[in-house]
């Protein structure tokens, strides 16, 4: 299982030991922005918590249970630059070959297309390397930035699940389900490091 995907501007790779401080800094910076949408943004993590998370997610990646990835800027030499956020393939069904893409971006990194580029690359990776039949994005109907990103990334709205979830504050919300299905998605470039 390749642990790294590259695009023209980005490097996506699975978490690894030593990433805790970098992830912790980005989460602290972004917590207020993510709080309405992400339950994990309500708990302030220590550096040890973040490091343990990175190690746990690397293990789950290697076991193919959850394919969490961090998003980094790619410098002109092809090296990792600034930490931009997280993404990954979650809720994996290896029998169906179905995956759900999740994503978040660091405050101050918006309106540059980084996460759209990451989602496109991850979808292409799922179809080309993991033989995906279906890749979904589920987003809160009230989170227009998130569902607009799904649309920009080439996903099609399939359903609005009305009143199906609660926010971290206990408010009833609806979920938009976007999908790309094998044979329908347009070509999207990426490269996988060996």
N, C-alpha and C. Protein backbone atom coordinates (compact mmCIF):
# COMPACT_ATOMS: atom_id res chain seq x y z
N UNK A 1 0.85 -1.18 0.00
CA UNK A 1 0.00 0.00 0.00
C UNK A 1 0.89 1.23 0.00
N UNK A 2 0.89 2.02 -1.06
CA UNK A 2 1.69 3.25 -1.08
C UNK A 2 1.26 4.19 0.04
N UNK A 3 2.21 4.82 0.66
CA UNK A 3 1.93 5.71 1.78
C UNK A 3 2.01 7.18 1.39
N UNK A 4 2.16 7.45 0.09
CA UNK A 4 2.36 8.84 -0.35
C UNK A 4 1.74 9.03 -1.73
N UNK A 5 1.04 10.14 -1.90
CA UNK A 5 0.47 10.55 -3.18
C UNK A 5 0.98 11.96 -3.44
N UNK A 6 1.39 12.23 -4.68
CA UNK A 6 1.86 13.56 -5.03
C UNK A 6 1.02 14.15 -6.15
N UNK A 7 0.76 15.44 -6.05
CA UNK A 7 0.15 16.20 -7.13
C UNK A 7 1.14 17.30 -7.50
N UNK A 8 0.74 18.17 -8.38
CA UNK A 8 1.62 19.26 -8.78
C UNK A 8 2.05 20.11 -7.59
N UNK A 9 1.10 20.37 -6.66
CA UNK A 9 1.39 21.27 -5.54
C UNK A 9 1.42 20.61 -4.17
N UNK A 10 1.02 19.34 -4.09
CA UNK A 10 0.79 18.72 -2.79
C UNK A 10 1.49 17.39 -2.62
N UNK A 11 1.70 17.05 -1.36
CA UNK A 11 2.07 15.70 -0.94
C UNK A 11 1.04 15.26 0.07
N UNK A 12 0.43 14.12 -0.18
CA UNK A 12 -0.47 13.49 0.78
C UNK A 12 0.24 12.25 1.28
N UNK A 13 0.28 12.07 2.59
CA UNK A 13 0.91 10.85 3.11
C UNK A 13 0.28 10.47 4.44
N UNK A 14 0.46 9.20 4.77
CA UNK A 14 -0.12 8.73 6.03
C UNK A 14 0.65 9.33 7.20
N UNK A 15 -0.03 9.49 8.34
CA UNK A 15 0.66 9.99 9.53
C UNK A 15 1.78 9.03 9.93
N UNK A 16 2.79 9.59 10.59
CA UNK A 16 3.88 8.74 11.08
C UNK A 16 4.42 9.31 12.38
N UNK A 17 5.18 8.50 13.11
CA UNK A 17 5.76 9.00 14.36
C UNK A 17 6.54 10.29 14.12
N UNK A 18 6.35 11.23 15.03
CA UNK A 18 7.00 12.53 14.91
C UNK A 18 6.12 13.61 14.33
N UNK A 19 4.95 13.24 13.78
CA UNK A 19 4.02 14.22 13.20
C UNK A 19 3.16 14.92 14.24
N UNK A 20 3.14 14.41 15.46
CA UNK A 20 2.25 14.95 16.49
C UNK A 20 2.32 16.45 16.69
N UNK A 21 3.51 17.03 16.89
CA UNK A 21 3.58 18.48 17.11
C UNK A 21 3.05 19.30 15.93
N UNK A 22 3.34 18.87 14.71
CA UNK A 22 2.87 19.60 13.53
C UNK A 22 1.35 19.56 13.43
N UNK A 23 0.78 18.37 13.65
CA UNK A 23 -0.67 18.23 13.60
C UNK A 23 -1.32 19.03 14.73
N UNK A 24 -0.73 18.97 15.91
CA UNK A 24 -1.28 19.66 17.07
C UNK A 24 -1.34 21.17 16.83
N UNK A 25 -0.29 21.72 16.27
CA UNK A 25 -0.25 23.16 15.97
C UNK A 25 -1.37 23.54 15.00
N UNK A 26 -1.53 22.76 13.94
CA UNK A 26 -2.57 23.06 12.94
C UNK A 26 -3.97 22.93 13.54
N UNK A 27 -4.19 21.91 14.36
CA UNK A 27 -5.50 21.74 14.99
C UNK A 27 -5.82 22.89 15.93
N UNK A 28 -4.84 23.30 16.73
CA UNK A 28 -5.07 24.42 17.65
C UNK A 28 -5.45 25.69 16.87
N UNK A 29 -4.74 25.93 15.80
CA UNK A 29 -4.98 27.11 14.97
C UNK A 29 -6.37 27.08 14.34
N UNK A 30 -6.88 25.89 14.05
CA UNK A 30 -8.09 25.72 13.24
C UNK A 30 -9.32 25.34 14.06
N UNK A 31 -9.12 25.02 15.33
CA UNK A 31 -10.20 24.45 16.15
C UNK A 31 -11.50 25.26 16.10
N UNK A 32 -11.44 26.56 16.26
CA UNK A 32 -12.67 27.37 16.29
C UNK A 32 -13.44 27.27 14.98
N UNK A 33 -12.73 27.22 13.88
CA UNK A 33 -13.36 27.12 12.56
C UNK A 33 -14.03 25.75 12.34
N UNK A 34 -13.43 24.71 12.92
CA UNK A 34 -13.94 23.35 12.71
C UNK A 34 -14.99 22.92 13.74
N UNK A 35 -15.06 23.62 14.84
CA UNK A 35 -15.95 23.21 15.94
C UNK A 35 -17.39 22.96 15.52
N UNK A 36 -18.00 23.76 14.65
CA UNK A 36 -19.40 23.48 14.27
C UNK A 36 -19.59 22.17 13.52
N UNK A 37 -18.52 21.63 12.93
CA UNK A 37 -18.66 20.48 12.03
C UNK A 37 -17.98 19.21 12.51
N UNK A 38 -16.90 19.35 13.26
CA UNK A 38 -16.08 18.19 13.62
C UNK A 38 -16.12 17.93 15.12
N UNK A 39 -16.68 16.80 15.54
CA UNK A 39 -16.74 16.51 16.98
C UNK A 39 -15.35 16.51 17.64
N UNK A 40 -14.32 16.05 16.93
CA UNK A 40 -12.99 16.00 17.53
C UNK A 40 -12.42 17.38 17.82
N UNK A 41 -12.97 18.43 17.21
CA UNK A 41 -12.46 19.79 17.42
C UNK A 41 -12.90 20.37 18.76
N UNK A 42 -13.72 19.65 19.51
CA UNK A 42 -14.19 20.13 20.81
C UNK A 42 -13.26 19.74 21.95
N UNK A 43 -12.30 18.89 21.66
CA UNK A 43 -11.37 18.43 22.68
C UNK A 43 -9.98 18.94 22.35
N UNK A 44 -9.39 19.67 23.28
CA UNK A 44 -8.04 20.16 23.06
C UNK A 44 -7.06 19.03 23.34
N UNK A 45 -6.24 18.70 22.37
CA UNK A 45 -5.29 17.60 22.51
C UNK A 45 -3.94 18.12 23.01
N UNK A 46 -3.32 17.31 23.85
CA UNK A 46 -1.94 17.60 24.25
C UNK A 46 -1.01 17.13 23.13
N UNK A 47 0.25 17.49 23.23
CA UNK A 47 1.23 17.00 22.25
C UNK A 47 1.30 15.48 22.28
N UNK A 48 1.23 14.91 23.48
CA UNK A 48 1.26 13.44 23.60
C UNK A 48 0.04 12.82 22.94
N UNK A 49 -1.15 13.45 23.11
CA UNK A 49 -2.37 12.95 22.47
C UNK A 49 -2.20 12.94 20.95
N UNK A 50 -1.67 14.03 20.42
CA UNK A 50 -1.50 14.15 18.97
C UNK A 50 -0.49 13.13 18.44
N UNK A 51 0.59 12.95 19.17
CA UNK A 51 1.59 11.96 18.75
C UNK A 51 1.00 10.55 18.79
N UNK A 52 0.24 10.25 19.84
CA UNK A 52 -0.39 8.92 19.93
C UNK A 52 -1.37 8.71 18.78
N UNK A 53 -2.12 9.76 18.45
CA UNK A 53 -3.05 9.68 17.31
C UNK A 53 -2.29 9.35 16.02
N UNK A 54 -1.19 10.04 15.77
CA UNK A 54 -0.42 9.81 14.54
C UNK A 54 0.09 8.37 14.48
N UNK A 55 0.55 7.85 15.58
CA UNK A 55 1.05 6.48 15.61
C UNK A 55 -0.09 5.48 15.40
N UNK A 56 -1.22 5.75 16.04
CA UNK A 56 -2.39 4.88 15.89
C UNK A 56 -2.88 4.88 14.44
N UNK A 57 -2.94 6.05 13.83
CA UNK A 57 -3.43 6.14 12.46
C UNK A 57 -2.45 5.51 11.47
N UNK A 58 -1.16 5.59 11.75
CA UNK A 58 -0.20 4.90 10.89
C UNK A 58 -0.44 3.39 10.97
N UNK A 59 -0.64 2.88 12.16
CA UNK A 59 -0.91 1.44 12.32
C UNK A 59 -2.18 1.04 11.58
N UNK A 60 -3.23 1.84 11.71
CA UNK A 60 -4.49 1.53 11.02
C UNK A 60 -4.32 1.61 9.50
N UNK A 61 -3.46 2.51 9.04
CA UNK A 61 -3.17 2.60 7.61
C UNK A 61 -2.49 1.32 7.13
N UNK A 62 -1.48 0.90 7.85
CA UNK A 62 -0.75 -0.30 7.46
C UNK A 62 -1.63 -1.55 7.50
N UNK A 63 -2.62 -1.56 8.41
CA UNK A 63 -3.57 -2.67 8.50
C UNK A 63 -4.73 -2.52 7.51
N UNK A 64 -4.76 -1.40 6.79
CA UNK A 64 -5.81 -1.09 5.80
C UNK A 64 -7.19 -0.96 6.43
N UNK A 65 -7.23 -0.48 7.68
CA UNK A 65 -8.49 -0.26 8.37
C UNK A 65 -9.03 1.15 8.13
N UNK A 66 -8.15 2.11 8.02
CA UNK A 66 -8.49 3.51 7.80
C UNK A 66 -7.28 4.14 7.15
N UNK A 67 -7.50 4.87 6.07
CA UNK A 67 -6.37 5.42 5.31
C UNK A 67 -6.29 6.93 5.48
N UNK A 68 -6.03 7.36 6.72
CA UNK A 68 -5.87 8.78 7.01
C UNK A 68 -4.59 9.29 6.36
N UNK A 69 -4.65 10.53 5.86
CA UNK A 69 -3.48 11.14 5.24
C UNK A 69 -3.41 12.61 5.64
N UNK A 70 -2.19 13.10 5.74
CA UNK A 70 -1.97 14.52 5.96
C UNK A 70 -1.68 15.17 4.61
N UNK A 71 -2.02 16.45 4.52
CA UNK A 71 -1.81 17.23 3.30
C UNK A 71 -0.69 18.23 3.57
N UNK A 72 0.33 18.20 2.72
CA UNK A 72 1.45 19.14 2.82
C UNK A 72 1.62 19.86 1.49
N UNK A 73 2.07 21.11 1.56
CA UNK A 73 2.53 21.77 0.33
C UNK A 73 3.75 21.01 -0.17
N UNK A 74 3.92 21.00 -1.47
CA UNK A 74 5.08 20.36 -2.09
C UNK A 74 5.99 21.46 -2.60
N UNK A 75 7.24 21.47 -2.16
CA UNK A 75 8.14 22.53 -2.63
C UNK A 75 8.70 22.17 -4.01
N UNK A 76 9.47 23.08 -4.58
CA UNK A 76 9.97 22.89 -5.95
C UNK A 76 10.91 21.69 -6.07
N UNK A 77 11.46 21.24 -4.96
CA UNK A 77 12.34 20.07 -4.96
C UNK A 77 11.56 18.78 -4.68
N UNK A 78 10.24 18.91 -4.51
CA UNK A 78 9.42 17.73 -4.25
C UNK A 78 9.39 17.31 -2.79
N UNK A 79 9.80 18.20 -1.89
CA UNK A 79 9.81 17.89 -0.46
C UNK A 79 8.58 18.46 0.22
N UNK A 80 8.30 17.94 1.41
CA UNK A 80 7.17 18.43 2.20
C UNK A 80 7.43 19.84 2.68
N UNK A 81 6.42 20.68 2.49
CA UNK A 81 6.46 22.03 3.01
C UNK A 81 5.47 22.17 4.15
N UNK A 82 4.71 23.23 4.11
CA UNK A 82 3.76 23.56 5.18
C UNK A 82 2.65 22.51 5.29
N UNK A 83 2.30 22.18 6.53
CA UNK A 83 1.19 21.27 6.82
C UNK A 83 -0.11 22.03 6.56
N UNK A 84 -0.98 21.48 5.69
CA UNK A 84 -2.20 22.17 5.26
C UNK A 84 -3.48 21.60 5.84
N UNK A 85 -3.46 20.34 6.27
CA UNK A 85 -4.69 19.75 6.80
C UNK A 85 -4.66 18.24 6.71
N UNK A 86 -5.86 17.67 6.75
CA UNK A 86 -5.98 16.22 6.72
C UNK A 86 -7.07 15.76 5.77
N UNK A 87 -6.93 14.54 5.32
CA UNK A 87 -7.92 13.90 4.46
C UNK A 87 -7.79 12.41 4.68
N UNK A 88 -8.44 11.63 3.89
CA UNK A 88 -8.28 10.19 4.00
C UNK A 88 -9.46 9.43 3.46
N UNK A 89 -9.28 8.13 3.38
CA UNK A 89 -10.34 7.21 2.97
C UNK A 89 -10.80 6.48 4.22
N UNK A 90 -12.05 6.68 4.56
CA UNK A 90 -12.61 6.16 5.80
C UNK A 90 -13.83 5.28 5.50
N UNK A 91 -14.38 4.68 6.55
CA UNK A 91 -15.55 3.79 6.40
C UNK A 91 -15.35 2.84 5.22
N UNK A 92 -14.24 2.16 5.25
CA UNK A 92 -13.83 1.31 4.13
C UNK A 92 -14.62 0.01 4.11
N UNK A 93 -15.12 -0.32 2.94
CA UNK A 93 -15.78 -1.61 2.70
C UNK A 93 -14.98 -2.31 1.60
N UNK A 94 -14.07 -3.20 2.00
CA UNK A 94 -13.20 -3.85 1.04
C UNK A 94 -13.95 -4.81 0.14
N UNK A 95 -15.10 -5.34 0.60
CA UNK A 95 -15.89 -6.25 -0.23
C UNK A 95 -16.53 -5.49 -1.38
N UNK A 96 -17.20 -4.40 -1.09
CA UNK A 96 -17.82 -3.55 -2.11
C UNK A 96 -16.77 -2.73 -2.85
N UNK A 97 -15.66 -2.45 -2.17
CA UNK A 97 -14.66 -1.51 -2.64
C UNK A 97 -15.23 -0.09 -2.59
N UNK A 98 -15.83 0.21 -1.43
CA UNK A 98 -16.41 1.52 -1.19
C UNK A 98 -15.61 2.27 -0.13
N UNK A 99 -15.49 3.59 -0.32
CA UNK A 99 -14.70 4.43 0.57
C UNK A 99 -15.44 5.76 0.78
N UNK A 100 -15.17 6.38 1.91
CA UNK A 100 -15.66 7.74 2.15
C UNK A 100 -14.46 8.66 2.36
N UNK A 101 -14.45 9.77 1.64
CA UNK A 101 -13.38 10.76 1.81
C UNK A 101 -13.84 11.80 2.82
N UNK A 102 -12.97 12.07 3.77
CA UNK A 102 -13.17 13.17 4.71
C UNK A 102 -12.04 14.17 4.53
N UNK A 103 -12.23 15.38 5.01
CA UNK A 103 -11.18 16.39 4.85
C UNK A 103 -11.38 17.54 5.80
N UNK A 104 -10.29 18.19 6.14
CA UNK A 104 -10.30 19.46 6.88
C UNK A 104 -9.04 20.22 6.46
N UNK A 105 -9.12 21.53 6.54
CA UNK A 105 -7.95 22.33 6.16
C UNK A 105 -7.62 23.31 7.26
N UNK A 106 -6.37 23.61 7.32
CA UNK A 106 -5.84 24.53 8.30
C UNK A 106 -6.33 25.95 8.02
N UNK A 107 -6.64 26.68 9.07
CA UNK A 107 -7.02 28.09 8.93
C UNK A 107 -5.90 28.84 8.21
N UNK A 108 -6.29 29.69 7.30
CA UNK A 108 -5.31 30.47 6.55
C UNK A 108 -4.87 29.82 5.25
N UNK A 109 -5.38 28.62 4.98
CA UNK A 109 -5.00 27.91 3.75
C UNK A 109 -6.17 27.79 2.79
N UNK A 110 -7.23 28.54 3.02
CA UNK A 110 -8.42 28.43 2.18
C UNK A 110 -8.29 29.22 0.89
N UNK A 111 -9.25 28.99 0.00
CA UNK A 111 -9.38 29.71 -1.27
C UNK A 111 -8.17 29.56 -2.19
N UNK A 112 -7.42 28.48 -2.02
CA UNK A 112 -6.27 28.23 -2.89
C UNK A 112 -6.41 26.90 -3.63
N UNK A 113 -7.50 26.18 -3.37
CA UNK A 113 -7.76 24.93 -4.07
C UNK A 113 -6.97 23.74 -3.58
N UNK A 114 -6.28 23.86 -2.46
CA UNK A 114 -5.47 22.76 -1.96
C UNK A 114 -6.30 21.52 -1.65
N UNK A 115 -7.39 21.69 -0.91
CA UNK A 115 -8.16 20.52 -0.49
C UNK A 115 -8.91 19.93 -1.68
N UNK A 116 -9.39 20.75 -2.59
CA UNK A 116 -10.02 20.22 -3.80
C UNK A 116 -9.02 19.36 -4.57
N UNK A 117 -7.80 19.84 -4.70
CA UNK A 117 -6.75 19.08 -5.38
C UNK A 117 -6.46 17.77 -4.64
N UNK A 118 -6.41 17.83 -3.32
CA UNK A 118 -6.16 16.63 -2.52
C UNK A 118 -7.28 15.61 -2.68
N UNK A 119 -8.53 16.08 -2.65
CA UNK A 119 -9.68 15.17 -2.78
C UNK A 119 -9.70 14.52 -4.16
N UNK A 120 -9.43 15.29 -5.19
CA UNK A 120 -9.37 14.71 -6.54
C UNK A 120 -8.29 13.63 -6.63
N UNK A 121 -7.12 13.91 -6.08
CA UNK A 121 -6.03 12.94 -6.12
C UNK A 121 -6.37 11.69 -5.32
N UNK A 122 -7.00 11.88 -4.18
CA UNK A 122 -7.36 10.73 -3.35
C UNK A 122 -8.43 9.88 -4.01
N UNK A 123 -9.39 10.52 -4.67
CA UNK A 123 -10.42 9.77 -5.40
C UNK A 123 -9.78 8.97 -6.54
N UNK A 124 -8.90 9.60 -7.29
CA UNK A 124 -8.22 8.91 -8.38
C UNK A 124 -7.40 7.73 -7.84
N UNK A 125 -6.71 7.95 -6.73
CA UNK A 125 -5.95 6.88 -6.08
C UNK A 125 -6.88 5.71 -5.71
N UNK A 126 -8.04 6.03 -5.15
CA UNK A 126 -8.98 4.97 -4.75
C UNK A 126 -9.44 4.17 -5.96
N UNK A 127 -9.77 4.85 -7.05
CA UNK A 127 -10.23 4.13 -8.25
C UNK A 127 -9.10 3.36 -8.93
N UNK A 128 -7.95 3.99 -9.08
CA UNK A 128 -6.86 3.37 -9.84
C UNK A 128 -6.08 2.33 -9.06
N UNK A 129 -5.77 2.61 -7.82
CA UNK A 129 -4.89 1.72 -7.05
C UNK A 129 -5.64 0.77 -6.12
N UNK A 130 -6.84 1.16 -5.68
CA UNK A 130 -7.58 0.33 -4.73
C UNK A 130 -8.80 -0.31 -5.36
N UNK A 131 -8.98 -0.13 -6.66
CA UNK A 131 -10.10 -0.71 -7.40
C UNK A 131 -11.46 -0.33 -6.82
N UNK A 132 -11.57 0.92 -6.38
CA UNK A 132 -12.83 1.40 -5.81
C UNK A 132 -13.96 1.30 -6.84
N UNK A 133 -15.12 0.94 -6.35
CA UNK A 133 -16.33 1.00 -7.17
C UNK A 133 -17.09 2.28 -6.85
N UNK A 134 -16.95 2.73 -5.61
CA UNK A 134 -17.72 3.89 -5.16
C UNK A 134 -16.91 4.66 -4.12
N UNK A 135 -16.88 5.99 -4.29
CA UNK A 135 -16.25 6.86 -3.31
C UNK A 135 -17.26 7.94 -2.95
N UNK A 136 -17.50 8.11 -1.65
CA UNK A 136 -18.49 9.07 -1.17
C UNK A 136 -17.83 10.21 -0.41
N UNK A 137 -18.55 11.32 -0.36
CA UNK A 137 -18.27 12.41 0.57
C UNK A 137 -19.60 12.72 1.24
N UNK A 138 -19.61 12.73 2.56
CA UNK A 138 -20.81 13.10 3.32
C UNK A 138 -20.50 14.40 4.05
N UNK A 139 -21.40 15.36 3.92
CA UNK A 139 -21.16 16.65 4.54
C UNK A 139 -22.45 17.23 5.09
N UNK A 140 -22.33 17.98 6.16
CA UNK A 140 -23.47 18.65 6.76
C UNK A 140 -24.07 19.61 5.73
N UNK A 141 -25.37 19.57 5.58
CA UNK A 141 -26.05 20.45 4.62
C UNK A 141 -25.78 21.93 4.91
N UNK A 142 -25.56 22.26 6.17
CA UNK A 142 -25.30 23.66 6.53
C UNK A 142 -23.86 24.08 6.25
N UNK A 143 -22.98 23.13 5.97
CA UNK A 143 -21.57 23.44 5.71
C UNK A 143 -21.35 23.63 4.21
N UNK A 144 -21.77 24.78 3.71
CA UNK A 144 -21.73 25.01 2.26
C UNK A 144 -20.30 24.98 1.71
N UNK A 145 -19.32 25.40 2.48
CA UNK A 145 -17.94 25.35 1.99
C UNK A 145 -17.53 23.91 1.70
N UNK A 146 -17.96 22.99 2.55
CA UNK A 146 -17.59 21.58 2.37
C UNK A 146 -18.31 20.96 1.18
N UNK A 147 -19.62 21.20 1.07
CA UNK A 147 -20.32 20.56 -0.06
C UNK A 147 -19.98 21.21 -1.40
N UNK A 148 -19.64 22.49 -1.39
CA UNK A 148 -19.20 23.11 -2.64
C UNK A 148 -17.85 22.54 -3.08
N UNK A 149 -17.00 22.22 -2.11
CA UNK A 149 -15.73 21.58 -2.43
C UNK A 149 -15.97 20.21 -3.07
N UNK A 150 -16.91 19.43 -2.52
CA UNK A 150 -17.24 18.12 -3.10
C UNK A 150 -17.67 18.28 -4.56
N UNK A 151 -18.47 19.30 -4.83
CA UNK A 151 -18.92 19.53 -6.20
C UNK A 151 -17.76 19.93 -7.11
N UNK A 152 -16.87 20.81 -6.61
CA UNK A 152 -15.71 21.21 -7.41
C UNK A 152 -14.79 20.02 -7.70
N UNK A 153 -14.77 19.07 -6.80
CA UNK A 153 -13.91 17.89 -6.96
C UNK A 153 -14.53 16.84 -7.88
N UNK A 154 -15.71 17.13 -8.44
CA UNK A 154 -16.31 16.22 -9.41
C UNK A 154 -17.27 15.20 -8.84
N UNK A 155 -17.70 15.39 -7.60
CA UNK A 155 -18.66 14.47 -6.99
C UNK A 155 -20.08 14.94 -7.29
N UNK A 156 -20.99 13.98 -7.41
CA UNK A 156 -22.39 14.25 -7.74
C UNK A 156 -23.26 14.07 -6.50
N UNK A 157 -24.14 15.03 -6.26
CA UNK A 157 -25.08 14.92 -5.14
C UNK A 157 -26.06 13.80 -5.43
N UNK A 158 -26.12 12.82 -4.55
CA UNK A 158 -27.04 11.70 -4.71
C UNK A 158 -28.23 11.78 -3.77
N UNK A 159 -28.02 12.36 -2.59
CA UNK A 159 -29.11 12.34 -1.61
C UNK A 159 -28.93 13.45 -0.59
N UNK A 160 -30.06 13.86 -0.03
CA UNK A 160 -30.08 14.71 1.15
C UNK A 160 -30.80 13.91 2.22
N UNK A 161 -30.07 13.49 3.24
CA UNK A 161 -30.65 12.71 4.33
C UNK A 161 -31.15 13.70 5.38
N UNK A 162 -32.44 13.95 5.36
CA UNK A 162 -33.01 15.00 6.21
C UNK A 162 -33.08 14.56 7.67
N UNK A 163 -32.61 15.44 8.54
CA UNK A 163 -32.69 15.21 9.97
C UNK A 163 -32.02 13.93 10.43
N UNK A 164 -30.92 13.56 9.80
CA UNK A 164 -30.29 12.26 10.11
C UNK A 164 -29.16 12.33 11.13
N UNK A 165 -28.76 13.53 11.54
CA UNK A 165 -27.60 13.61 12.43
C UNK A 165 -27.74 14.78 13.39
N UNK A 166 -26.88 14.75 14.40
CA UNK A 166 -26.82 15.83 15.38
C UNK A 166 -25.45 16.51 15.28
N UNK A 167 -25.45 17.82 15.44
CA UNK A 167 -24.18 18.54 15.50
C UNK A 167 -23.54 18.26 16.86
N UNK A 168 -22.29 18.65 17.03
CA UNK A 168 -21.67 18.51 18.35
C UNK A 168 -22.42 19.28 19.44
N UNK A 169 -23.30 20.22 19.03
CA UNK A 169 -24.09 21.00 19.98
C UNK A 169 -25.48 20.43 20.19
N UNK A 170 -25.78 19.28 19.57
CA UNK A 170 -27.07 18.64 19.74
C UNK A 170 -28.16 19.14 18.81
N UNK A 171 -27.83 19.94 17.81
CA UNK A 171 -28.83 20.42 16.84
C UNK A 171 -29.03 19.37 15.75
N UNK A 172 -30.29 19.17 15.36
CA UNK A 172 -30.60 18.22 14.29
C UNK A 172 -30.17 18.83 12.96
N UNK A 173 -29.48 18.05 12.16
CA UNK A 173 -29.00 18.50 10.86
C UNK A 173 -29.27 17.46 9.80
N UNK A 174 -29.10 17.87 8.57
CA UNK A 174 -29.24 16.98 7.42
C UNK A 174 -27.87 16.77 6.78
N UNK A 175 -27.71 15.64 6.12
CA UNK A 175 -26.44 15.28 5.50
C UNK A 175 -26.59 15.18 4.00
N UNK A 176 -25.69 15.82 3.28
CA UNK A 176 -25.61 15.66 1.83
C UNK A 176 -24.67 14.50 1.53
N UNK A 177 -25.09 13.62 0.63
CA UNK A 177 -24.27 12.48 0.22
C UNK A 177 -23.87 12.70 -1.24
N UNK A 178 -22.58 12.84 -1.45
CA UNK A 178 -22.02 12.98 -2.80
C UNK A 178 -21.27 11.70 -3.12
N UNK A 179 -21.22 11.35 -4.40
CA UNK A 179 -20.49 10.13 -4.77
C UNK A 179 -19.88 10.26 -6.16
N UNK A 180 -18.87 9.44 -6.35
CA UNK A 180 -18.32 9.17 -7.68
C UNK A 180 -18.32 7.66 -7.80
N UNK A 181 -18.76 7.18 -8.95
CA UNK A 181 -18.90 5.75 -9.17
C UNK A 181 -18.01 5.36 -10.34
N UNK A 182 -17.39 4.20 -10.23
CA UNK A 182 -16.47 3.72 -11.27
C UNK A 182 -17.09 3.89 -12.66
N UNK A 183 -16.30 4.45 -13.58
CA UNK A 183 -16.74 4.63 -14.95
C UNK A 183 -17.37 5.98 -15.23
N UNK A 184 -17.63 6.76 -14.18
CA UNK A 184 -18.29 8.05 -14.37
C UNK A 184 -17.33 9.21 -14.13
N UNK A 185 -16.32 9.01 -13.28
CA UNK A 185 -15.42 10.11 -12.93
C UNK A 185 -14.51 10.48 -14.09
N UNK A 186 -14.12 11.75 -14.15
CA UNK A 186 -13.20 12.22 -15.18
C UNK A 186 -11.77 11.94 -14.75
N UNK A 187 -10.82 11.88 -15.68
CA UNK A 187 -9.43 11.63 -15.31
C UNK A 187 -8.88 12.75 -14.41
N UNK A 188 -8.19 12.36 -13.38
CA UNK A 188 -7.56 13.31 -12.47
C UNK A 188 -6.15 12.81 -12.18
N UNK A 189 -5.17 13.67 -12.36
CA UNK A 189 -3.79 13.21 -12.24
C UNK A 189 -3.26 13.16 -10.82
N UNK A 190 -2.32 12.28 -10.60
CA UNK A 190 -1.58 12.15 -9.36
C UNK A 190 -0.40 11.25 -9.65
N UNK A 191 0.52 11.18 -8.71
CA UNK A 191 1.57 10.17 -8.81
C UNK A 191 1.77 9.57 -7.43
N UNK A 192 2.17 8.33 -7.40
CA UNK A 192 2.36 7.63 -6.13
C UNK A 192 3.84 7.35 -5.96
N UNK A 193 4.39 7.77 -4.83
CA UNK A 193 5.80 7.49 -4.55
C UNK A 193 5.96 6.01 -4.27
N UNK A 194 7.05 5.47 -4.69
CA UNK A 194 7.32 4.03 -4.47
C UNK A 194 7.72 3.77 -3.05
